[in-house]
């Protein structure tokens, strides 16, 4: 399998207790599936896993996207749907952290 780009984004809401804001952000993230370069999109909230020093579950929402290559990921960033998402929903979050990685060639994800 050729290398893939994985784009993992964590969102901290301005009002972490607001279920309305949480649902609205998740609905907005789902619109990103329509961008052709996005091969897979997973959206979730922190899991109730064992508390350990290395686990950070302070975020409210996370999205994980798969792209075929860096060009597709770059094109996603400038896609009108992505730009509309940022414009419409950025007022909901206080902080965003992004981790991008490239998989090793031949790895089966």
N, C-alpha and C. Protein backbone atom coordinates (compact mmCIF):
# COMPACT_ATOMS: atom_id res chain seq x y z
N UNK A 1 0.85 -1.18 0.00
CA UNK A 1 0.00 0.00 0.00
C UNK A 1 0.89 1.24 0.00
N UNK A 2 0.61 2.20 -0.88
CA UNK A 2 1.42 3.43 -0.89
C UNK A 2 1.18 4.24 0.39
N UNK A 3 2.12 5.13 0.72
CA UNK A 3 1.94 5.96 1.91
C UNK A 3 0.66 6.80 1.81
N UNK A 4 0.05 7.06 2.94
CA UNK A 4 -1.12 7.93 3.02
C UNK A 4 -0.82 9.07 3.98
N UNK A 5 -1.56 10.15 3.82
CA UNK A 5 -1.48 11.26 4.76
C UNK A 5 -2.66 11.13 5.72
N UNK A 6 -2.37 11.20 7.00
CA UNK A 6 -3.41 11.17 8.02
C UNK A 6 -3.42 12.52 8.73
N UNK A 7 -4.59 13.11 8.78
CA UNK A 7 -4.81 14.46 9.32
C UNK A 7 -5.70 14.30 10.54
N UNK A 8 -5.15 14.53 11.74
CA UNK A 8 -5.90 14.34 12.98
C UNK A 8 -6.03 15.70 13.67
N UNK A 9 -7.26 16.10 13.91
CA UNK A 9 -7.55 17.42 14.46
C UNK A 9 -8.35 17.28 15.76
N UNK A 10 -7.93 18.04 16.77
CA UNK A 10 -8.59 18.04 18.08
C UNK A 10 -9.17 19.43 18.32
N UNK A 11 -10.42 19.47 18.79
CA UNK A 11 -11.12 20.72 19.04
C UNK A 11 -11.48 20.85 20.52
N UNK A 12 -11.23 22.03 21.06
CA UNK A 12 -11.67 22.39 22.41
C UNK A 12 -12.71 23.49 22.24
N UNK A 13 -13.92 23.24 22.70
CA UNK A 13 -15.00 24.21 22.55
C UNK A 13 -14.84 25.38 23.52
N UNK A 14 -15.33 26.54 23.11
CA UNK A 14 -15.36 27.70 24.02
C UNK A 14 -16.24 27.40 25.22
N UNK A 15 -17.33 26.67 24.98
CA UNK A 15 -18.23 26.28 26.07
C UNK A 15 -18.28 24.75 26.10
N UNK A 16 -17.34 24.11 26.80
CA UNK A 16 -17.25 22.65 26.80
C UNK A 16 -18.50 21.95 27.34
N UNK A 17 -19.32 22.66 28.09
CA UNK A 17 -20.52 22.03 28.66
C UNK A 17 -21.72 22.09 27.72
N UNK A 18 -21.59 22.80 26.59
CA UNK A 18 -22.72 22.98 25.68
C UNK A 18 -22.89 21.78 24.73
N UNK A 19 -23.95 21.01 24.95
CA UNK A 19 -24.27 19.90 24.05
C UNK A 19 -24.71 20.43 22.68
N UNK A 20 -25.32 21.60 22.66
CA UNK A 20 -25.73 22.21 21.39
C UNK A 20 -24.50 22.53 20.54
N UNK A 21 -23.48 23.15 21.13
CA UNK A 21 -22.26 23.48 20.39
C UNK A 21 -21.55 22.21 19.93
N UNK A 22 -21.53 21.20 20.77
CA UNK A 22 -20.90 19.92 20.42
C UNK A 22 -21.59 19.31 19.20
N UNK A 23 -22.90 19.24 19.24
CA UNK A 23 -23.66 18.67 18.12
C UNK A 23 -23.50 19.50 16.85
N UNK A 24 -23.46 20.81 17.01
CA UNK A 24 -23.31 21.70 15.86
C UNK A 24 -21.94 21.50 15.20
N UNK A 25 -20.89 21.41 16.01
CA UNK A 25 -19.55 21.19 15.45
C UNK A 25 -19.47 19.84 14.75
N UNK A 26 -20.02 18.81 15.35
CA UNK A 26 -20.02 17.48 14.72
C UNK A 26 -20.77 17.51 13.39
N UNK A 27 -21.91 18.18 13.36
CA UNK A 27 -22.67 18.32 12.11
C UNK A 27 -21.84 19.04 11.05
N UNK A 28 -21.12 20.09 11.47
CA UNK A 28 -20.27 20.81 10.53
C UNK A 28 -19.14 19.94 10.01
N UNK A 29 -18.53 19.16 10.88
CA UNK A 29 -17.45 18.27 10.46
C UNK A 29 -17.93 17.25 9.43
N UNK A 30 -19.15 16.79 9.58
CA UNK A 30 -19.70 15.81 8.64
C UNK A 30 -19.80 16.38 7.22
N UNK A 31 -19.91 17.70 7.08
CA UNK A 31 -19.99 18.30 5.74
C UNK A 31 -18.68 18.12 4.98
N UNK A 32 -17.58 17.90 5.71
CA UNK A 32 -16.28 17.76 5.06
C UNK A 32 -16.15 16.46 4.27
N UNK A 33 -17.05 15.49 4.51
CA UNK A 33 -17.04 14.24 3.75
C UNK A 33 -17.26 14.47 2.27
N UNK A 34 -17.90 15.58 1.92
CA UNK A 34 -18.22 15.89 0.52
C UNK A 34 -17.00 16.32 -0.28
N UNK A 35 -15.89 16.58 0.38
CA UNK A 35 -14.68 17.01 -0.34
C UNK A 35 -14.05 15.77 -0.98
N UNK A 36 -13.88 15.77 -2.29
CA UNK A 36 -13.44 14.55 -2.99
C UNK A 36 -12.10 13.99 -2.54
N UNK A 37 -11.20 14.84 -2.09
CA UNK A 37 -9.87 14.38 -1.68
C UNK A 37 -9.90 13.59 -0.36
N UNK A 38 -10.96 13.75 0.43
CA UNK A 38 -11.07 13.05 1.71
C UNK A 38 -11.46 11.60 1.44
N UNK A 39 -10.54 10.68 1.72
CA UNK A 39 -10.79 9.26 1.46
C UNK A 39 -11.57 8.60 2.59
N UNK A 40 -11.35 9.06 3.80
CA UNK A 40 -12.10 8.55 4.96
C UNK A 40 -12.13 9.64 6.01
N UNK A 41 -13.25 9.75 6.71
CA UNK A 41 -13.42 10.74 7.77
C UNK A 41 -14.05 10.05 8.97
N UNK A 42 -13.36 10.14 10.10
CA UNK A 42 -13.87 9.62 11.36
C UNK A 42 -14.02 10.79 12.32
N UNK A 43 -15.13 10.86 13.02
CA UNK A 43 -15.41 11.95 13.97
C UNK A 43 -15.77 11.31 15.30
N UNK A 44 -15.22 11.86 16.39
CA UNK A 44 -15.54 11.28 17.69
C UNK A 44 -15.29 12.22 18.84
N UNK A 45 -15.61 11.73 20.01
CA UNK A 45 -15.43 12.44 21.28
C UNK A 45 -14.54 11.59 22.18
N UNK A 46 -14.01 12.14 23.24
CA UNK A 46 -13.09 11.38 24.09
C UNK A 46 -13.72 10.08 24.62
N UNK A 47 -12.93 9.04 24.58
CA UNK A 47 -13.37 7.74 25.09
C UNK A 47 -13.14 7.68 26.60
N UNK A 48 -13.94 6.89 27.26
CA UNK A 48 -13.79 6.70 28.71
C UNK A 48 -12.81 5.56 28.97
N UNK A 49 -11.59 5.75 28.53
CA UNK A 49 -10.56 4.74 28.72
C UNK A 49 -9.85 4.97 30.05
N UNK A 50 -9.01 4.03 30.41
CA UNK A 50 -8.26 4.09 31.65
C UNK A 50 -7.48 5.40 31.74
N UNK A 51 -7.57 6.09 32.86
CA UNK A 51 -6.84 7.34 33.08
C UNK A 51 -5.36 7.01 33.28
N UNK A 52 -4.52 7.61 32.44
CA UNK A 52 -3.08 7.43 32.53
C UNK A 52 -2.42 8.77 32.25
N UNK A 53 -1.18 8.95 32.71
CA UNK A 53 -0.47 10.22 32.52
C UNK A 53 -0.30 10.57 31.04
N UNK A 54 -0.22 9.59 30.16
CA UNK A 54 0.03 9.85 28.74
C UNK A 54 -1.25 10.11 27.94
N UNK A 55 -2.40 9.99 28.56
CA UNK A 55 -3.67 10.17 27.87
C UNK A 55 -4.19 11.59 28.10
N UNK A 56 -4.47 12.28 26.99
CA UNK A 56 -5.06 13.62 27.05
C UNK A 56 -6.46 13.52 26.45
N UNK A 57 -7.45 13.53 27.29
CA UNK A 57 -8.83 13.51 26.79
C UNK A 57 -9.55 14.81 27.15
N UNK A 58 -8.79 15.90 27.14
CA UNK A 58 -9.35 17.21 27.50
C UNK A 58 -10.11 17.87 26.35
N UNK A 59 -10.00 17.34 25.15
CA UNK A 59 -10.69 17.90 23.98
C UNK A 59 -12.16 17.48 24.00
N UNK A 60 -12.98 18.14 23.18
CA UNK A 60 -14.39 17.77 23.10
C UNK A 60 -14.72 16.97 21.84
N UNK A 61 -14.03 17.28 20.73
CA UNK A 61 -14.30 16.61 19.45
C UNK A 61 -12.98 16.39 18.73
N UNK A 62 -12.91 15.28 18.00
CA UNK A 62 -11.74 15.01 17.17
C UNK A 62 -12.21 14.49 15.82
N UNK A 63 -11.43 14.81 14.81
CA UNK A 63 -11.69 14.26 13.47
C UNK A 63 -10.39 13.67 12.95
N UNK A 64 -10.52 12.57 12.24
CA UNK A 64 -9.37 11.89 11.65
C UNK A 64 -9.69 11.68 10.18
N UNK A 65 -8.81 12.21 9.31
CA UNK A 65 -9.01 12.12 7.87
C UNK A 65 -7.85 11.40 7.21
N UNK A 66 -8.17 10.69 6.14
CA UNK A 66 -7.17 10.00 5.34
C UNK A 66 -7.14 10.62 3.94
N UNK A 67 -5.93 10.87 3.46
CA UNK A 67 -5.70 11.40 2.11
C UNK A 67 -4.69 10.51 1.40
N UNK A 68 -4.76 10.48 0.08
CA UNK A 68 -3.82 9.66 -0.70
C UNK A 68 -2.41 10.23 -0.71
N UNK A 69 -2.30 11.57 -0.61
CA UNK A 69 -0.98 12.20 -0.70
C UNK A 69 -1.06 13.63 -0.17
N UNK A 70 0.10 14.27 -0.09
CA UNK A 70 0.14 15.63 0.46
C UNK A 70 -0.58 16.63 -0.44
N UNK A 71 -0.55 16.42 -1.75
CA UNK A 71 -1.26 17.34 -2.64
C UNK A 71 -2.75 17.32 -2.34
N UNK A 72 -3.31 16.13 -2.15
CA UNK A 72 -4.74 16.04 -1.82
C UNK A 72 -5.05 16.75 -0.51
N UNK A 73 -4.16 16.61 0.47
CA UNK A 73 -4.37 17.28 1.76
C UNK A 73 -4.28 18.80 1.58
N UNK A 74 -3.33 19.25 0.78
CA UNK A 74 -3.21 20.68 0.49
C UNK A 74 -4.45 21.20 -0.23
N UNK A 75 -4.95 20.43 -1.20
CA UNK A 75 -6.16 20.84 -1.94
C UNK A 75 -7.37 20.89 -1.00
N UNK A 76 -7.45 19.97 -0.06
CA UNK A 76 -8.52 19.97 0.93
C UNK A 76 -8.52 21.28 1.71
N UNK A 77 -7.33 21.75 2.11
CA UNK A 77 -7.23 22.97 2.93
C UNK A 77 -7.83 24.17 2.21
N UNK A 78 -7.71 24.22 0.90
CA UNK A 78 -8.21 25.38 0.15
C UNK A 78 -9.57 25.13 -0.50
N UNK A 79 -10.15 23.96 -0.27
CA UNK A 79 -11.44 23.62 -0.87
C UNK A 79 -12.54 24.52 -0.28
N UNK A 80 -13.48 24.98 -1.11
CA UNK A 80 -14.55 25.87 -0.63
C UNK A 80 -15.37 25.29 0.53
N UNK A 81 -15.60 23.98 0.56
CA UNK A 81 -16.36 23.38 1.66
C UNK A 81 -15.58 23.49 2.97
N UNK A 82 -14.27 23.27 2.91
CA UNK A 82 -13.45 23.40 4.12
C UNK A 82 -13.42 24.86 4.59
N UNK A 83 -13.25 25.77 3.65
CA UNK A 83 -13.23 27.19 4.01
C UNK A 83 -14.56 27.62 4.62
N UNK A 84 -15.67 27.13 4.08
CA UNK A 84 -17.00 27.45 4.62
C UNK A 84 -17.16 26.86 6.02
N UNK A 85 -16.63 25.65 6.24
CA UNK A 85 -16.69 25.04 7.57
C UNK A 85 -15.97 25.92 8.58
N UNK A 86 -14.75 26.34 8.27
CA UNK A 86 -13.97 27.16 9.20
C UNK A 86 -14.71 28.47 9.47
N UNK A 87 -15.23 29.09 8.43
CA UNK A 87 -15.92 30.38 8.59
C UNK A 87 -17.17 30.23 9.47
N UNK A 88 -17.94 29.16 9.25
CA UNK A 88 -19.21 28.99 9.95
C UNK A 88 -19.05 28.50 11.39
N UNK A 89 -18.04 27.64 11.65
CA UNK A 89 -17.97 26.96 12.94
C UNK A 89 -16.82 27.39 13.84
N UNK A 90 -15.89 28.18 13.34
CA UNK A 90 -14.73 28.55 14.16
C UNK A 90 -15.09 29.34 15.41
N UNK A 91 -16.26 29.95 15.41
CA UNK A 91 -16.69 30.68 16.61
C UNK A 91 -17.00 29.74 17.77
N UNK A 92 -17.16 28.44 17.49
CA UNK A 92 -17.47 27.47 18.54
C UNK A 92 -16.25 27.01 19.32
N UNK A 93 -15.06 27.06 18.69
CA UNK A 93 -13.90 26.50 19.37
C UNK A 93 -12.96 27.54 19.92
N UNK A 94 -12.31 27.14 21.00
CA UNK A 94 -11.33 27.97 21.67
C UNK A 94 -9.92 27.61 21.22
N UNK A 95 -9.72 26.34 20.91
CA UNK A 95 -8.39 25.84 20.56
C UNK A 95 -8.54 24.68 19.59
N UNK A 96 -7.59 24.60 18.66
CA UNK A 96 -7.51 23.49 17.71
C UNK A 96 -6.05 23.05 17.64
N UNK A 97 -5.83 21.74 17.68
CA UNK A 97 -4.50 21.19 17.51
C UNK A 97 -4.56 20.16 16.38
N UNK A 98 -3.59 20.24 15.47
CA UNK A 98 -3.55 19.35 14.31
C UNK A 98 -2.28 18.53 14.34
N UNK A 99 -2.43 17.24 14.07
CA UNK A 99 -1.30 16.33 13.88
C UNK A 99 -1.44 15.70 12.51
N UNK A 100 -0.46 15.95 11.63
CA UNK A 100 -0.43 15.33 10.32
C UNK A 100 0.70 14.33 10.28
N UNK A 101 0.44 13.19 9.65
CA UNK A 101 1.50 12.18 9.53
C UNK A 101 1.40 11.50 8.18
N UNK A 102 2.52 10.92 7.77
CA UNK A 102 2.55 10.10 6.57
C UNK A 102 2.85 8.67 7.01
N UNK A 103 2.07 7.74 6.46
CA UNK A 103 2.27 6.34 6.83
C UNK A 103 3.48 5.79 6.08
N UNK A 104 4.04 4.75 6.63
CA UNK A 104 5.15 4.06 5.97
C UNK A 104 4.60 3.28 4.78
N UNK A 105 5.33 3.26 3.69
CA UNK A 105 4.91 2.50 2.50
C UNK A 105 4.74 1.04 2.89
N UNK A 106 3.63 0.44 2.43
CA UNK A 106 3.39 -0.96 2.69
C UNK A 106 2.61 -1.22 3.97
N UNK A 107 2.49 -0.22 4.84
CA UNK A 107 1.71 -0.44 6.06
C UNK A 107 0.25 -0.59 5.72
N UNK A 108 -0.42 -1.51 6.35
CA UNK A 108 -1.83 -1.70 6.16
C UNK A 108 -2.56 -1.10 7.35
N UNK A 109 -3.31 -0.06 7.10
CA UNK A 109 -3.98 0.65 8.21
C UNK A 109 -5.33 0.03 8.46
